[in-house]
Amino acid sequence: MLDIPAQIEIVEIMANPEGKDFGEEYVIIKNTSNEEVHLDDLFLDDKEGENSPYSLNEISIQPLGEIILKSSETEISINNENDEVRILDENLDPAITIQIAKSYEGLAWNNASGSPPTIMEVFPNPEGSDDGLEWIEIANTSDTAIDLAGYFLDDGKEGSKPYALSGILYPSEYKIITDSESGITLNNTADEVRIISQDEEIEKIAYEDSKEDKSFTLTENGWQWTLPAKGTANTTQEEATTDLETQTPALIEIENTEEEKKLTDILPYFASALIIGTLTAYEKIMRK
């Protein structure tokens, strides 16, 4: 007999669809096991006392499969803020609870697990026009792959609409998100860049006045304005600039000037004089 709550999980919740919510909200439940799961004696519900629990009797999920339960069927209306989605056992006690602090219109909550991605670099103020040239770089600094489903990229609160991240980010991999892709427009004056989920703020970085054609970069010395290092390991401004005191001397290339031509013309005479002088000295030594 499978331990039912341990074999299923809530993987997605749409609490705030675009436009009208009624009938368009949904909950997705996944079977994480390799056996078929029957949901008899289980119930779907939101926060206690708000809606009547919906019986999951006679519903089954195939191995590693999913089911979608729409509000038009369950009659469970999920609040856009401060609500819960729960699976209850036969005694109506919570077996699984997902808290929804705040939902964004048109964006579903996903069960993002593991380490979150890290903001590595922000390029808010390209030289000249900014449109289509701004970008944000995130990276996976962990040892395991990150499923980006359930994470959102955003700027300051009340700014651009959060952008839903997607795909798999592998260890040490970078991902560039441009403003034309995300719709996130960064201010040249003070702004923020955040990674959020539906129920919490994961990471936030803030900058004051930006510098044209410079990136706000996470380095070993903290956040600094540096030369852009798009898609590569970040360096400090000093590391990106040649240190003249320790620079390896380079060969000096002489331009083809009149002085160079004169020097080239008389070099054979210096060479001949050097040879004659050496032979004369040798003859004197041999006579002694």
Protein backbone atom coordinates (compact mmCIF):
# COMPACT_ATOMS: atom_id res chain seq x y z
CA MET A 1 0.00 0.00 0.00
CA LEU A 2 1.50 3.33 -1.07
CA ASP A 3 1.73 6.20 1.38
CA ILE A 4 -0.51 8.42 -0.73
CA PRO A 5 0.51 11.93 0.47
CA ALA A 6 4.18 11.02 0.02
CA GLN A 7 3.59 9.94 -3.60
CA ILE A 8 1.78 13.06 -4.76
CA GLU A 9 2.59 16.75 -4.74
CA ILE A 10 1.02 19.99 -5.84
CA VAL A 11 3.23 21.23 -8.67
CA GLU A 12 1.32 24.22 -10.06
CA ILE A 13 -1.39 26.64 -8.97
CA MET A 14 -3.06 29.30 -11.09
CA ALA A 15 -4.75 31.62 -8.61
CA ASN A 16 -4.89 34.79 -10.69
CA PRO A 17 -5.58 34.19 -14.40
CA GLU A 18 -5.59 37.09 -16.83
CA GLY A 19 -9.03 38.64 -16.94
CA LYS A 20 -11.80 36.97 -14.96
CA ASP A 21 -10.71 34.41 -12.36
CA PHE A 22 -13.87 32.37 -11.90
CA GLY A 23 -13.68 29.03 -13.68
CA GLU A 24 -10.13 29.68 -14.94
CA GLU A 25 -8.20 28.94 -11.75
CA TYR A 26 -6.63 25.50 -11.50
CA VAL A 27 -4.43 23.18 -9.42
CA ILE A 28 -2.09 20.53 -10.88
CA ILE A 29 -1.30 17.43 -8.81
CA LYS A 30 1.55 15.10 -9.81
CA ASN A 31 2.20 11.42 -9.06
CA THR A 32 5.94 11.22 -8.30
CA SER A 33 5.98 7.41 -8.08
CA ASN A 34 6.33 4.64 -10.65
CA GLU A 35 2.95 3.15 -9.72
CA GLU A 36 -0.59 4.29 -10.37
CA VAL A 37 -2.00 6.29 -7.45
CA HIS A 38 -5.67 6.34 -6.44
CA LEU A 39 -6.81 9.46 -4.58
CA ASP A 40 -9.75 7.86 -2.76
CA ASP A 41 -10.45 9.38 0.68
CA LEU A 42 -8.48 12.54 -0.15
CA PHE A 43 -9.85 16.07 -0.60
CA LEU A 44 -8.74 19.29 -2.29
CA ASP A 45 -9.35 22.52 -0.37
CA ASP A 46 -8.13 26.07 0.08
CA LYS A 47 -7.76 27.87 3.41
CA GLU A 48 -9.93 26.40 6.15
CA GLY A 49 -13.46 27.80 6.30
CA GLU A 50 -13.50 29.44 2.86
CA ASN A 51 -14.78 26.73 0.48
CA SER A 52 -16.14 23.22 0.82
CA PRO A 53 -13.48 20.50 0.40
CA TYR A 54 -13.65 18.77 -2.98
CA SER A 55 -13.59 14.96 -2.88
CA LEU A 56 -10.92 13.24 -5.01
CA ASN A 57 -12.66 9.86 -4.87
CA GLU A 58 -12.47 7.79 -8.05
CA ILE A 59 -9.61 9.92 -9.37
CA SER A 60 -6.31 8.20 -10.19
CA ILE A 61 -3.00 9.42 -11.59
CA GLN A 62 -0.79 7.34 -13.85
CA PRO A 63 2.90 6.78 -12.93
CA LEU A 64 4.74 10.12 -13.09
CA GLY A 65 1.56 11.63 -14.49
CA GLU A 66 -0.42 14.76 -13.60
CA ILE A 67 -4.04 15.83 -13.30
CA ILE A 68 -5.50 19.32 -13.66
CA LEU A 69 -8.35 20.30 -11.36
CA LYS A 70 -10.11 23.46 -12.58
CA SER A 71 -12.16 25.70 -10.34
CA SER A 72 -15.10 25.26 -12.72
CA GLU A 73 -15.13 21.63 -11.56
CA THR A 74 -14.04 21.90 -7.92
CA GLU A 75 -15.86 25.20 -7.18
CA ILE A 76 -12.80 26.16 -5.10
CA SER A 77 -11.99 29.84 -5.60
CA ILE A 78 -8.41 30.74 -4.66
CA ASN A 79 -7.79 34.25 -3.37
CA ASN A 80 -5.13 36.32 -5.14
CA GLU A 81 -3.52 37.04 -1.77
CA ASN A 82 -3.18 35.28 1.59
CA ASP A 83 -4.70 31.92 0.73
CA GLU A 84 -3.73 28.26 0.82
CA VAL A 85 -4.17 25.19 -1.35
CA ARG A 86 -4.38 21.97 0.64
CA ILE A 87 -4.82 18.24 0.19
CA LEU A 88 -6.71 16.76 3.14
CA ASP A 89 -6.73 13.17 4.34
CA GLU A 90 -9.82 11.10 5.19
CA ASN A 91 -10.13 12.91 8.54
CA LEU A 92 -9.96 16.30 6.78
CA ASP A 93 -6.57 16.95 8.32
CA PRO A 94 -4.01 18.71 6.07
CA ALA A 95 -1.59 16.31 4.37
CA ILE A 96 -0.11 18.91 1.99
CA THR A 97 -0.34 22.70 2.34
CA ILE A 98 0.87 25.35 -0.12
CA GLN A 99 0.65 28.96 1.04
CA ILE A 100 -0.08 31.71 -1.48
CA ALA A 101 1.09 35.05 -0.10
CA LYS A 102 0.51 36.96 -3.34
CA SER A 103 -0.20 35.94 -6.92
CA TYR A 104 0.55 37.93 -10.07
CA GLU A 105 -1.98 38.14 -12.87
CA GLY A 106 -1.39 35.54 -15.56
CA LEU A 107 1.48 33.85 -13.71
CA ALA A 108 1.14 30.41 -12.14
CA TRP A 109 2.86 29.26 -8.95
CA ASN A 110 5.22 26.35 -9.60
CA ASN A 111 6.85 24.05 -7.10
CA ALA A 112 10.42 25.26 -7.58
CA SER A 113 12.78 23.05 -5.62
CA GLY A 114 16.52 23.01 -4.97
CA SER A 115 18.85 25.98 -4.93
CA PRO A 116 17.54 29.10 -6.67
CA PRO A 117 19.47 30.84 -9.47
CA THR A 118 21.76 33.75 -8.57
CA ILE A 119 21.80 37.25 -10.07
CA MET A 120 25.33 37.78 -11.37
CA GLU A 121 25.30 40.91 -13.54
CA VAL A 122 22.96 43.74 -14.53
CA PHE A 123 23.44 45.98 -17.59
CA PRO A 124 20.88 48.81 -17.25
CA ASN A 125 22.47 51.66 -19.20
CA PRO A 126 23.96 50.74 -22.61
CA GLU A 127 25.75 53.42 -24.60
CA GLY A 128 23.21 55.39 -26.60
CA SER A 129 19.65 54.08 -26.77
CA ASP A 130 18.77 51.49 -24.10
CA ASP A 131 15.87 49.78 -25.90
CA GLY A 132 16.64 46.13 -26.63
CA LEU A 133 20.19 46.36 -25.25
CA GLU A 134 19.63 46.02 -21.51
CA TRP A 135 20.15 42.59 -19.98
CA ILE A 136 20.28 40.65 -16.73
CA GLU A 137 22.54 37.67 -16.17
CA ILE A 138 21.70 34.81 -13.83
CA ALA A 139 23.75 31.72 -13.08
CA ASN A 140 23.61 28.35 -11.38
CA THR A 141 26.27 28.42 -8.67
CA SER A 142 25.20 25.08 -7.18
CA ASP A 143 26.34 21.53 -7.94
CA THR A 144 22.96 20.38 -9.28
CA ALA A 145 20.73 21.45 -12.16
CA ILE A 146 18.03 24.05 -11.42
CA ASP A 147 14.54 23.83 -12.87
CA LEU A 148 13.67 27.50 -13.38
CA ALA A 149 9.92 26.84 -13.45
CA GLY A 150 8.38 28.66 -10.50
CA TYR A 151 10.94 31.49 -10.44
CA PHE A 152 10.29 34.99 -11.75
CA LEU A 153 12.59 37.86 -12.66
CA ASP A 154 11.45 41.35 -11.72
CA ASP A 155 12.70 44.87 -11.10
CA GLY A 156 11.50 47.10 -8.25
CA LYS A 157 8.01 46.68 -6.86
CA GLU A 158 5.31 48.40 -8.90
CA GLY A 159 7.71 48.36 -11.86
CA SER A 160 7.61 45.99 -14.82
CA LYS A 161 5.51 42.83 -14.83
CA PRO A 162 7.40 39.81 -13.39
CA TYR A 163 8.92 37.58 -16.07
CA ALA A 164 8.46 33.82 -15.67
CA LEU A 165 11.76 31.95 -16.01
CA SER A 166 11.77 28.56 -17.69
CA GLY A 167 14.09 25.74 -18.70
CA ILE A 168 16.92 23.95 -16.93
CA LEU A 169 20.04 25.80 -15.74
CA TYR A 170 22.96 23.43 -15.32
CA PRO A 171 25.83 23.84 -12.80
CA SER A 172 28.13 26.76 -13.70
CA GLU A 173 25.82 27.73 -16.58
CA TYR A 174 24.89 31.37 -17.28
CA LYS A 175 21.64 32.67 -18.76
CA ILE A 176 21.15 36.12 -20.28
CA ILE A 177 17.67 37.67 -20.21
CA THR A 178 17.30 40.76 -22.40
CA ASP A 179 14.76 43.52 -21.94
CA SER A 180 13.20 42.70 -25.31
CA GLU A 181 12.62 39.12 -24.09
CA SER A 182 11.43 39.85 -20.55
CA GLY A 183 9.71 43.21 -20.97
CA ILE A 184 11.64 44.42 -17.90
CA THR A 185 12.93 47.97 -18.36
CA LEU A 186 15.62 48.99 -15.88
CA ASN A 187 15.92 52.59 -14.69
CA ASN A 188 19.21 54.40 -15.25
CA THR A 189 18.66 55.97 -11.85
CA ALA A 190 17.97 53.87 -8.75
CA ASP A 191 16.32 50.49 -9.37
CA GLU A 192 16.25 46.89 -8.16
CA VAL A 193 16.52 43.46 -9.75
CA ARG A 194 14.79 40.58 -7.97
CA ILE A 195 14.26 36.85 -8.25
CA ILE A 196 10.91 35.95 -6.73
CA SER A 197 8.53 33.05 -6.45
CA GLN A 198 4.79 33.35 -5.98
CA ASP A 199 5.13 33.38 -2.21
CA GLU A 200 8.49 35.00 -1.42
CA GLU A 201 11.33 37.22 -2.54
CA ILE A 202 14.34 34.97 -3.20
CA GLU A 203 17.04 37.55 -3.97
CA LYS A 204 17.24 41.32 -4.46
CA ILE A 205 20.05 43.62 -5.57
CA ALA A 206 19.74 47.40 -5.68
CA TYR A 207 21.81 50.07 -7.41
CA GLU A 208 21.88 53.85 -7.40
CA ASP A 209 22.73 55.95 -10.47
CA SER A 210 24.02 53.65 -13.21
CA LYS A 211 27.14 54.24 -15.28
CA GLU A 212 26.79 54.27 -19.05
CA ASP A 213 28.10 51.13 -20.77
CA LYS A 214 29.07 49.56 -17.41
CA SER A 215 27.62 46.50 -15.68
CA PHE A 216 26.62 46.23 -12.04
CA THR A 217 28.49 43.03 -11.29
CA LEU A 218 28.80 40.52 -8.46
CA THR A 219 32.54 40.07 -7.84
CA GLU A 220 34.57 38.52 -5.04
CA ASN A 221 34.63 42.02 -3.53
CA GLY A 222 30.86 42.47 -3.69
CA TRP A 223 28.74 44.42 -6.17
CA GLN A 224 30.73 46.85 -8.33
CA TRP A 225 30.41 48.77 -11.59
CA THR A 226 32.71 47.02 -14.08
CA LEU A 227 33.27 46.40 -17.75
CA PRO A 228 30.54 44.04 -19.04
CA ALA A 229 31.41 40.32 -18.89
CA LYS A 230 28.29 38.97 -20.58
CA GLY A 231 27.97 35.20 -20.19
CA THR A 232 31.42 34.75 -18.62
CA ALA A 233 32.99 34.78 -15.17
CA ASN A 234 32.95 38.24 -13.61
CA THR A 235 36.08 40.24 -12.81
CA THR A 236 36.70 43.47 -10.93
CA GLN A 237 37.43 46.68 -12.83
CA GLU A 238 41.07 46.46 -11.75
CA GLU A 239 41.37 42.89 -13.03
CA ALA A 240 39.91 43.94 -16.34
CA THR A 241 42.51 46.74 -16.72
CA THR A 242 46.21 46.19 -17.41
CA ASP A 243 48.50 46.80 -14.43
CA LEU A 244 51.35 48.83 -15.93
CA GLU A 245 53.74 48.08 -13.04
CA THR A 246 53.57 44.32 -13.62
CA GLN A 247 52.99 44.35 -17.35
CA THR A 248 55.34 42.09 -19.33
CA PRO A 249 57.45 44.26 -21.67
CA ALA A 250 56.37 44.00 -25.29
CA LEU A 251 58.52 44.29 -28.41
CA ILE A 252 58.66 47.89 -29.62
CA GLU A 253 57.84 48.24 -33.27
CA ILE A 254 59.79 51.06 -34.96
CA GLU A 255 57.99 52.98 -37.62
CA ASN A 256 59.59 53.14 -41.08
CA THR A 257 60.96 56.69 -40.69
CA GLU A 258 63.82 58.53 -42.41
CA GLU A 259 65.97 58.02 -39.29
CA GLU A 260 65.35 54.25 -39.50
CA LYS A 261 66.43 54.22 -43.16
CA LYS A 262 69.65 56.10 -42.35
CA LEU A 263 70.42 53.66 -39.53
CA THR A 264 69.80 50.70 -41.83
CA ASP A 265 72.13 52.18 -44.47
CA ILE A 266 75.12 52.57 -42.12
CA LEU A 267 74.77 49.28 -40.22
CA PRO A 268 76.92 47.33 -42.75
CA TYR A 269 79.82 49.78 -42.22
CA PHE A 270 79.63 49.29 -38.43
CA ALA A 271 79.66 45.53 -38.96
CA SER A 272 82.72 45.71 -41.27
CA ALA A 273 84.61 47.94 -38.84
CA LEU A 274 83.87 45.55 -36.00
CA ILE A 275 85.23 42.57 -37.98
CA ILE A 276 88.42 44.44 -39.08
CA GLY A 277 89.06 45.63 -35.53
CA THR A 278 88.71 42.10 -34.18
CA LEU A 279 91.17 40.66 -36.75
CA THR A 280 93.74 43.39 -36.04
CA ALA A 281 93.64 42.69 -32.32
CA TYR A 282 94.04 38.95 -32.98
CA GLU A 283 97.13 39.53 -35.19
CA LYS A 284 98.77 41.63 -32.46
CA ILE A 285 98.26 38.89 -29.90
CA MET A 286 99.75 36.23 -32.20
CA ARG A 287 102.95 38.30 -32.81
CA LYS A 288 103.72 38.42 -29.07
